[in-house]
C-alpha atoms as a PDB file:
ATOM      1  CA  MET A   1     112.386 105.827  85.604  1.00  0.00           C
ATOM      2  CA  LEU A   2     109.323 107.541  87.077  1.00  0.00           C
ATOM      3  CA  GLU A   3     107.672 106.658  83.933  1.00  0.00           C
ATOM      4  CA  SER A   4     108.247 102.944  83.590  1.00  0.00           C
ATOM      5  CA  LEU A   5     106.952 103.107  87.783  1.00  0.00           C
ATOM      6  CA  GLU A   6     103.563 105.185  86.873  1.00  0.00           C
ATOM      7  CA  ASN A   7     102.614 103.022  84.228  1.00  0.00           C
ATOM      8  CA  ASN A   8     103.377 100.262  86.308  1.00  0.00           C
ATOM      9  CA  ALA A   9     101.777 100.736  88.992  1.00  0.00           C
ATOM     10  CA  PRO A  10      99.070  98.361  90.058  1.00  0.00           C
ATOM     11  CA  GLY A  11      95.342  99.252  90.075  1.00  0.00           C
ATOM     12  CA  CYS A  12      92.709  99.659  92.843  1.00  0.00           C
ATOM     13  CA  PHE A  13      91.413  96.324  93.644  1.00  0.00           C
ATOM     14  CA  PHE A  14      88.653  98.197  95.516  1.00  0.00           C
ATOM     15  CA  LYS A  15      87.899 100.056  92.056  1.00  0.00           C
ATOM     16  CA  SER A  16      88.450  97.453  89.986  1.00  0.00           C
ATOM     17  CA  THR A  17      85.953  94.380  92.468  1.00  0.00           C
ATOM     18  CA  PHE A  18      83.145  97.205  93.051  1.00  0.00           C
ATOM     19  CA  GLY A  19      83.578  99.612  90.568  1.00  0.00           C
ATOM     20  CA  ILE A  20      83.758 102.863  92.593  1.00  0.00           C
ATOM     21  CA  ASP A  21      86.524 104.234  94.450  1.00  0.00           C
ATOM     22  CA  CYS A  22      88.111 103.714  97.600  1.00  0.00           C
ATOM     23  CA  PRO A  23      88.989 105.717  99.962  1.00  0.00           C
ATOM     24  CA  GLY A  24      92.945 106.294  98.843  1.00  0.00           C
ATOM     25  CA  CYS A  25      92.104 106.122  94.800  1.00  0.00           C
ATOM     26  CA  GLY A  26      94.131 108.520  93.146  1.00  0.00           C
ATOM     27  CA  MET A  27      96.792 107.665  95.781  1.00  0.00           C
ATOM     28  CA  THR A  28      99.789 106.541  93.969  1.00  0.00           C
ATOM     29  CA  ARG A  29      98.644 109.387  91.331  1.00  0.00           C
ATOM     30  CA  ALA A  30      98.660 111.998  93.600  1.00  0.00           C
ATOM     31  CA  PHE A  31     102.353 110.610  94.675  1.00  0.00           C
ATOM     32  CA  PHE A  32     103.673 110.726  90.897  1.00  0.00           C
ATOM     33  CA  ALA A  33     102.216 113.959  89.624  1.00  0.00           C
ATOM     34  CA  LEU A  34     103.655 115.213  93.778  1.00  0.00           C
ATOM     35  CA  LEU A  35     107.393 113.716  92.729  1.00  0.00           C
ATOM     36  CA  LYS A  36     106.880 115.500  89.572  1.00  0.00           C
ATOM     37  CA  GLY A  37     106.610 118.612  91.199  1.00  0.00           C
ATOM     38  CA  ASP A  38     102.584 119.246  89.932  1.00  0.00           C
ATOM     39  CA  LEU A  39     100.894 119.803  93.789  1.00  0.00           C
ATOM     40  CA  MET A  40      97.768 121.277  91.911  1.00  0.00           C
ATOM     41  CA  GLY A  41      97.732 117.662  90.156  1.00  0.00           C
ATOM     42  CA  SER A  42      98.353 115.579  93.280  1.00  0.00           C
ATOM     43  CA  LEU A  43      95.606 117.661  95.197  1.00  0.00           C
ATOM     44  CA  ALA A  44      93.263 116.910  92.032  1.00  0.00           C
ATOM     45  CA  TYR A  45      94.216 113.399  92.533  1.00  0.00           C
ATOM     46  CA  ASN A  46      94.326 112.512  96.186  1.00  0.00           C
ATOM     47  CA  PRO A  47      93.725 115.409  98.514  1.00  0.00           C
ATOM     48  CA  GLY A  48      94.709 113.588 101.532  1.00  0.00           C
ATOM     49  CA  LEU A  49      98.872 112.681 100.289  1.00  0.00           C
ATOM     50  CA  ILE A  50     100.003 115.626 101.729  1.00  0.00           C
ATOM     51  CA  PRO A  51      98.867 114.994 105.067  1.00  0.00           C
ATOM     52  CA  PHE A  52      99.566 111.670 104.618  1.00  0.00           C
ATOM     53  CA  LEU A  53     102.848 112.037 104.076  1.00  0.00           C
ATOM     54  CA  ILE A  54     102.875 114.872 107.033  1.00  0.00           C
ATOM     55  CA  THR A  55     101.413 111.844 108.989  1.00  0.00           C
ATOM     56  CA  VAL A  56     103.877 109.190 108.339  1.00  0.00           C
ATOM     57  CA  THR A  57     106.743 111.881 109.057  1.00  0.00           C
ATOM     58  CA  VAL A  58     106.162 112.791 112.294  1.00  0.00           C
ATOM     59  CA  LEU A  59     105.271 109.274 113.955  1.00  0.00           C
ATOM     60  CA  VAL A  60     108.558 108.428 112.552  1.00  0.00           C
ATOM     61  CA  ILE A  61     109.925 111.635 114.358  1.00  0.00           C
ATOM     62  CA  GLN A  62     107.780 110.827 117.611  1.00  0.00           C
ATOM     63  CA  LEU A  63     108.845 107.115 117.410  1.00  0.00           C
ATOM     64  CA  LYS A  64     112.199 108.525 117.648  1.00  0.00           C
ATOM     65  CA  ILE A  65     112.391 111.344 119.264  1.00  0.00           C
ATOM     66  CA  LYS A  66     109.358 110.084 121.799  1.00  0.00           C
ATOM     67  CA  HIS A  67     107.988 113.365 123.111  1.00  0.00           C
ATOM     68  CA  PRO A  68     106.092 112.824 125.866  1.00  0.00           C
ATOM     69  CA  ARG A  69     103.216 115.025 124.281  1.00  0.00           C
ATOM     70  CA  GLY A  70     104.199 113.794 120.408  1.00  0.00           C
ATOM     71  CA  GLY A  71     101.603 110.951 120.166  1.00  0.00           C
ATOM     72  CA  TYR A  72      99.096 113.512 120.890  1.00  0.00           C
ATOM     73  CA  LEU A  73      99.554 115.455 117.819  1.00  0.00           C
ATOM     74  CA  VAL A  74     100.027 111.954 116.093  1.00  0.00           C
ATOM     75  CA  MET A  75      96.405 111.099 116.492  1.00  0.00           C
ATOM     76  CA  GLY A  76      95.425 114.304 115.911  1.00  0.00           C
ATOM     77  CA  LEU A  77      96.656 114.226 112.639  1.00  0.00           C
ATOM     78  CA  PHE A  78      95.695 111.258 112.116  1.00  0.00           C
ATOM     79  CA  ILE A  79      92.450 112.434 112.385  1.00  0.00           C
ATOM     80  CA  PHE A  80      92.489 115.188 110.254  1.00  0.00           C
ATOM     81  CA  THR A  81      94.129 112.619 107.728  1.00  0.00           C
ATOM     82  CA  SER A  82      90.708 110.116 108.063  1.00  0.00           C
ATOM     83  CA  LEU A  83      88.196 113.341 107.861  1.00  0.00           C
ATOM     84  CA  ILE A  84      90.463 114.287 104.963  1.00  0.00           C
ATOM     85  CA  ALA A  85      89.582 110.876 103.051  1.00  0.00           C
ATOM     86  CA  ILE A  86      86.197 110.015 104.028  1.00  0.00           C
ATOM     87  CA  ILE A  87      84.906 113.494 102.794  1.00  0.00           C
ATOM     88  CA  ASN A  88      86.951 112.972  99.504  1.00  0.00           C
ATOM     89  CA  PHE A  89      85.269 109.347  99.215  1.00  0.00           C
ATOM     90  CA  ILE A  90      82.115 111.097 100.230  1.00  0.00           C
ATOM     91  CA  VAL A  91      82.616 113.849  97.130  1.00  0.00           C
ATOM     92  CA  LYS A  92      83.773 111.310  94.783  1.00  0.00           C
ATOM     93  CA  GLN A  93      81.039 108.755  95.347  1.00  0.00           C
ATOM     94  CA  HIS A  94      78.834 111.766  94.843  1.00  0.00           C
ATOM     95  CA  ALA A  95      80.158 112.649  91.635  1.00  0.00           C
ATOM     96  CA  PHE A  96      80.217 109.287  91.090  1.00  0.00           C
ATOM     97  CA  ILE A  97      76.460 108.619  91.256  1.00  0.00           C
ATOM     98  CA  SER A  98      75.061 112.117  90.020  1.00  0.00           C
ATOM     99  CA  ALA A  99      77.060 111.505  86.573  1.00  0.00           C
ATOM    100  CA  HIS A 100      74.832 107.976  86.388  1.00  0.00           C
ATOM    101  CA  LEU A 101      71.760 109.290  87.319  1.00  0.00           C
END
């Protein structure tokens, strides 16, 4: 079943339209690699997946328990995850440009 989902996953609209990776490109492949137990493969596809999953998990927990300072933790994790996505995007674009020069 996992292979069927992986083979039929939609492609990136941004990449198919503009021809370059978006900040989230590789997230689906990273998720499937993580489900298969391939941590290094997951990180290679998109290093932002694991921090994203942690952020979402902490957000859901915070929404349930409503810790008074939990919002700060969620915001910090969101900023951290966003920085990873931005850095990954810049690195990929630099590699893309370097390969096409």
